[in-house]
Amino acid sequence: MTEVSSSPNEHRRDVNNDRVDYLLERIVRNPEILVGKPTIRGTRISVELIMERLGYGSSVEEIIEDYPHVTAEDIEACQAYAKLYPVRARLKG
């Protein structure tokens, strides 16, 4: 007997998880590069830098123009990483 999914989005969620896993392979942490900040594999471009640029209104195309070795998938990977591992606000005082 074939088991039927109880949720119409269950398969979609599995596909999304596969995509996120694929994207996260593009992000690495190495204590010898930017003191261990998460970076795009093969670069010294941090997830933080990409997210700041997006936050300030830069488009994906503008970021790629400024960093030609960064791809749209790299930027998507940064967004996925930031969503899964949000930076906690630092309190000053």
Protein backbone atom coordinates (compact mmCIF):
# COMPACT_ATOMS: atom_id res chain seq x y z
CA MET A 1 0.00 0.00 0.00
CA THR A 2 1.35 3.43 -0.95
CA GLU A 3 1.44 6.03 1.78
CA VAL A 4 -0.09 9.36 0.87
CA SER A 5 1.23 12.61 2.28
CA SER A 6 -1.13 14.27 4.72
CA SER A 7 0.09 17.71 3.75
CA PRO A 8 0.14 19.05 0.19
CA ASN A 9 3.23 21.10 1.09
CA GLU A 10 5.20 18.18 2.53
CA HIS A 11 6.95 17.36 -0.77
CA ARG A 12 7.60 21.03 -1.40
CA ARG A 13 9.19 21.36 2.04
CA ASP A 14 11.54 18.44 1.22
CA VAL A 15 12.52 20.08 -2.07
CA ASN A 16 13.15 23.38 -0.27
CA ASN A 17 15.29 21.61 2.34
CA ASP A 18 17.36 20.04 -0.45
CA ARG A 19 17.83 23.47 -2.02
CA VAL A 20 18.85 25.02 1.30
CA ASP A 21 21.31 22.19 1.96
CA TYR A 22 22.78 22.73 -1.51
CA LEU A 23 23.09 26.47 -0.95
CA LEU A 24 24.64 26.12 2.50
CA GLU A 25 27.51 24.13 0.98
CA ARG A 26 28.59 27.47 -0.52
CA ILE A 27 29.09 29.01 2.94
CA VAL A 28 32.17 28.12 5.02
CA ARG A 29 33.73 29.14 8.32
CA ASN A 30 37.50 29.08 8.66
CA PRO A 31 39.22 30.62 11.68
CA GLU A 32 42.04 31.75 9.39
CA ILE A 33 39.70 33.74 7.12
CA LEU A 34 37.99 36.83 8.55
CA VAL A 35 38.44 35.44 12.08
CA GLY A 36 36.01 32.62 11.35
CA LYS A 37 33.10 34.68 10.04
CA PRO A 38 30.92 32.76 7.58
CA THR A 39 32.11 33.50 4.05
CA ILE A 40 31.29 32.48 0.52
CA ARG A 41 33.42 29.42 -0.32
CA GLY A 42 36.63 30.34 -2.13
CA THR A 43 36.38 34.04 -1.24
CA ARG A 44 36.92 36.45 1.59
CA ILE A 45 33.42 37.84 1.11
CA SER A 46 31.43 37.48 4.32
CA VAL A 47 27.75 36.65 4.63
CA GLU A 48 27.54 39.76 6.80
CA LEU A 49 28.85 41.99 3.98
CA ILE A 50 26.36 40.60 1.46
CA MET A 51 23.45 40.95 3.90
CA GLU A 52 24.47 44.52 4.75
CA ARG A 53 24.60 45.41 1.06
CA LEU A 54 21.14 43.91 0.50
CA GLY A 55 19.88 45.69 3.61
CA TYR A 56 21.12 49.03 2.30
CA GLY A 57 19.20 48.45 -0.92
CA SER A 58 21.83 47.06 -3.28
CA SER A 59 20.41 44.72 -5.89
CA VAL A 60 21.85 41.29 -6.59
CA GLU A 61 23.06 42.65 -9.93
CA GLU A 62 24.88 45.55 -8.22
CA ILE A 63 26.61 43.19 -5.80
CA ILE A 64 27.69 40.92 -8.64
CA GLU A 65 28.96 43.94 -10.56
CA ASP A 66 31.06 44.99 -7.54
CA TYR A 67 32.22 41.41 -6.83
CA PRO A 68 32.32 39.62 -10.22
CA HIS A 69 33.42 36.31 -8.69
CA VAL A 70 30.20 36.19 -6.59
CA THR A 71 27.17 34.56 -8.21
CA ALA A 72 23.44 34.98 -7.69
CA GLU A 73 23.45 31.54 -6.02
CA ASP A 74 26.15 32.73 -3.62
CA ILE A 75 23.93 35.64 -2.63
CA GLU A 76 20.96 33.29 -2.26
CA ALA A 77 23.17 31.10 -0.05
CA CYS A 78 24.01 34.11 2.14
CA GLN A 79 20.31 34.84 2.53
CA ALA A 80 19.57 31.22 3.45
CA TYR A 81 22.43 31.20 5.97
CA ALA A 82 21.31 34.48 7.54
CA LYS A 83 17.76 33.20 7.85
CA LEU A 84 18.89 29.98 9.56
CA TYR A 85 21.54 31.62 11.74
CA PRO A 86 20.42 35.17 12.55
CA VAL A 87 22.93 37.46 14.21
CA ARG A 88 21.92 38.37 17.71
CA ALA A 89 21.85 42.09 18.35
CA ARG A 90 24.71 43.34 20.44
CA LEU A 91 23.70 45.57 23.32
CA LYS A 92 25.82 48.65 23.90
CA GLY A 93 26.06 50.10 27.30
